[in-house]
Amino acid sequence: MSGLSDIGARRPTPTAPPPSHGSYLTIRDNPNLTMTDPEVLNTFKSAEEHGGSFMTHLARAGIAADPVNRALILRTWPSIYQTYGPGSALYKEGL
């Protein structure tokens, strides 16, 4: 494969290697924010349960995503971990 998409543009290259199981996810834009894999999953589940229509679909995408794309979603929408992440009023474990 040449690395070109169907429309001829270059596909983006992930900036970070995927974290291994049991690792921590550090958000590049906020290096002080570190979450374990279960915390990331619980954040997306909390967003799915308490968010509006768009946030529910975004949370479902995060739940289904691989580790690289989960990190991409959290970097792109920091309001997810700010509103639904560990330490927030809406964060719940074991959903």
C-alpha atoms as a PDB file:
ATOM      1  CA  MET A   1       0.000   0.000   0.000  1.00  0.00           C
ATOM      2  CA  SER A   2       1.376   3.388  -0.929  1.00  0.00           C
ATOM      3  CA  GLY A   3       0.131   5.295   2.133  1.00  0.00           C
ATOM      4  CA  LEU A   4      -2.311   7.308   0.032  1.00  0.00           C
ATOM      5  CA  SER A   5      -5.991   7.383   0.837  1.00  0.00           C
ATOM      6  CA  ASP A   6      -8.791   6.891  -1.672  1.00  0.00           C
ATOM      7  CA  ILE A   7      -8.895  10.642  -2.329  1.00  0.00           C
ATOM      8  CA  GLY A   8      -5.145  10.930  -2.866  1.00  0.00           C
ATOM      9  CA  ALA A   9      -4.174  12.598   0.392  1.00  0.00           C
ATOM     10  CA  ARG A  10      -1.570  11.220   2.733  1.00  0.00           C
ATOM     11  CA  ARG A  11      -2.942   9.254   5.656  1.00  0.00           C
ATOM     12  CA  PRO A  12      -2.041  10.597   9.096  1.00  0.00           C
ATOM     13  CA  THR A  13       0.656   8.751  10.980  1.00  0.00           C
ATOM     14  CA  PRO A  14      -0.006   8.124  14.685  1.00  0.00           C
ATOM     15  CA  THR A  15       2.320  10.217  16.823  1.00  0.00           C
ATOM     16  CA  ALA A  16       2.562   7.759  19.681  1.00  0.00           C
ATOM     17  CA  PRO A  17       2.925   3.977  19.718  1.00  0.00           C
ATOM     18  CA  PRO A  18      -0.106   2.133  21.044  1.00  0.00           C
ATOM     19  CA  PRO A  19       0.060   1.519  24.785  1.00  0.00           C
ATOM     20  CA  SER A  20       0.343  -2.087  25.892  1.00  0.00           C
ATOM     21  CA  HIS A  21      -2.256  -3.741  28.102  1.00  0.00           C
ATOM     22  CA  GLY A  22      -2.072  -2.565  31.684  1.00  0.00           C
ATOM     23  CA  SER A  23      -0.363   0.633  30.656  1.00  0.00           C
ATOM     24  CA  TYR A  24      -1.136   4.244  31.304  1.00  0.00           C
ATOM     25  CA  LEU A  25      -2.510   6.701  28.776  1.00  0.00           C
ATOM     26  CA  THR A  26      -0.901  10.122  28.940  1.00  0.00           C
ATOM     27  CA  ILE A  27      -2.605  12.876  27.010  1.00  0.00           C
ATOM     28  CA  ARG A  28       0.060  14.682  24.991  1.00  0.00           C
ATOM     29  CA  ASP A  29      -1.586  18.095  25.419  1.00  0.00           C
ATOM     30  CA  ASN A  30      -1.808  17.583  29.182  1.00  0.00           C
ATOM     31  CA  PRO A  31       1.148  15.443  30.341  1.00  0.00           C
ATOM     32  CA  ASN A  32      -0.060  15.669  33.940  1.00  0.00           C
ATOM     33  CA  LEU A  33      -3.142  13.665  32.995  1.00  0.00           C
ATOM     34  CA  THR A  34      -2.484   9.954  33.168  1.00  0.00           C
ATOM     35  CA  MET A  35      -5.212   7.318  33.171  1.00  0.00           C
ATOM     36  CA  THR A  36      -5.074   3.550  33.402  1.00  0.00           C
ATOM     37  CA  ASP A  37      -6.841   1.403  30.803  1.00  0.00           C
ATOM     38  CA  PRO A  38      -9.818   0.746  33.163  1.00  0.00           C
ATOM     39  CA  GLU A  39     -10.101   4.495  33.895  1.00  0.00           C
ATOM     40  CA  VAL A  40     -10.190   5.276  30.168  1.00  0.00           C
ATOM     41  CA  LEU A  41     -12.899   2.675  29.605  1.00  0.00           C
ATOM     42  CA  ASN A  42     -14.905   3.914  32.622  1.00  0.00           C
ATOM     43  CA  THR A  43     -14.581   7.484  31.327  1.00  0.00           C
ATOM     44  CA  PHE A  44     -16.100   6.489  27.994  1.00  0.00           C
ATOM     45  CA  LYS A  45     -18.827   4.450  29.716  1.00  0.00           C
ATOM     46  CA  SER A  46     -19.662   7.415  31.968  1.00  0.00           C
ATOM     47  CA  ALA A  47     -19.850   9.665  28.891  1.00  0.00           C
ATOM     48  CA  GLU A  48     -22.088   7.123  27.171  1.00  0.00           C
ATOM     49  CA  GLU A  49     -24.452   7.010  30.152  1.00  0.00           C
ATOM     50  CA  HIS A  50     -24.601  10.723  30.980  1.00  0.00           C
ATOM     51  CA  GLY A  51     -23.815  12.504  27.710  1.00  0.00           C
ATOM     52  CA  GLY A  52     -26.123  13.862  25.057  1.00  0.00           C
ATOM     53  CA  SER A  53     -26.661  12.257  21.683  1.00  0.00           C
ATOM     54  CA  PHE A  54     -23.327  13.267  20.118  1.00  0.00           C
ATOM     55  CA  MET A  55     -21.348  12.427  23.263  1.00  0.00           C
ATOM     56  CA  THR A  56     -23.057   9.031  23.516  1.00  0.00           C
ATOM     57  CA  HIS A  57     -21.987   8.158  19.969  1.00  0.00           C
ATOM     58  CA  LEU A  58     -18.481   9.494  20.560  1.00  0.00           C
ATOM     59  CA  ALA A  59     -18.230   7.436  23.760  1.00  0.00           C
ATOM     60  CA  ARG A  60     -19.334   4.306  21.914  1.00  0.00           C
ATOM     61  CA  ALA A  61     -16.650   4.963  19.314  1.00  0.00           C
ATOM     62  CA  GLY A  62     -14.108   5.278  22.144  1.00  0.00           C
ATOM     63  CA  ILE A  63     -15.246   2.012  23.692  1.00  0.00           C
ATOM     64  CA  ALA A  64     -14.890   0.200  20.347  1.00  0.00           C
ATOM     65  CA  ALA A  65     -11.603   1.903  19.377  1.00  0.00           C
ATOM     66  CA  ASP A  66      -8.083   0.548  19.598  1.00  0.00           C
ATOM     67  CA  PRO A  67      -5.698   2.263  22.070  1.00  0.00           C
ATOM     68  CA  VAL A  68      -4.273   4.679  19.477  1.00  0.00           C
ATOM     69  CA  ASN A  69      -7.708   5.902  18.418  1.00  0.00           C
ATOM     70  CA  ARG A  70      -8.909   6.123  22.028  1.00  0.00           C
ATOM     71  CA  ALA A  71      -6.002   8.450  22.739  1.00  0.00           C
ATOM     72  CA  LEU A  72      -6.833  10.415  19.593  1.00  0.00           C
ATOM     73  CA  ILE A  73     -10.454  10.854  20.700  1.00  0.00           C
ATOM     74  CA  LEU A  74      -9.385  12.037  24.151  1.00  0.00           C
ATOM     75  CA  ARG A  75      -6.823  14.462  22.675  1.00  0.00           C
ATOM     76  CA  THR A  76      -9.363  15.822  20.207  1.00  0.00           C
ATOM     77  CA  TRP A  77     -12.182  16.219  22.736  1.00  0.00           C
ATOM     78  CA  PRO A  78     -10.573  17.072  26.110  1.00  0.00           C
ATOM     79  CA  SER A  79     -14.027  17.819  27.509  1.00  0.00           C
ATOM     80  CA  ILE A  80     -14.571  14.044  27.687  1.00  0.00           C
ATOM     81  CA  TYR A  81     -12.011  13.481  30.448  1.00  0.00           C
ATOM     82  CA  GLN A  82     -12.738  16.879  32.034  1.00  0.00           C
ATOM     83  CA  THR A  83     -16.472  16.133  32.332  1.00  0.00           C
ATOM     84  CA  TYR A  84     -16.583  12.345  32.624  1.00  0.00           C
ATOM     85  CA  GLY A  85     -13.058  11.315  33.680  1.00  0.00           C
ATOM     86  CA  PRO A  86     -11.623  10.350  37.083  1.00  0.00           C
ATOM     87  CA  GLY A  87     -12.270  13.028  39.681  1.00  0.00           C
ATOM     88  CA  SER A  88     -15.334  14.429  37.895  1.00  0.00           C
ATOM     89  CA  ALA A  89     -18.817  14.323  39.373  1.00  0.00           C
ATOM     90  CA  LEU A  90     -20.090  12.054  36.580  1.00  0.00           C
ATOM     91  CA  TYR A  91     -17.258   9.506  36.625  1.00  0.00           C
ATOM     92  CA  LYS A  92     -18.343   6.060  37.762  1.00  0.00           C
ATOM     93  CA  GLU A  93     -16.360   2.843  38.026  1.00  0.00           C
ATOM     94  CA  GLY A  94     -17.792  -0.524  37.085  1.00  0.00           C
ATOM     95  CA  LEU A  95     -20.456   0.622  34.630  1.00  0.00           C
END
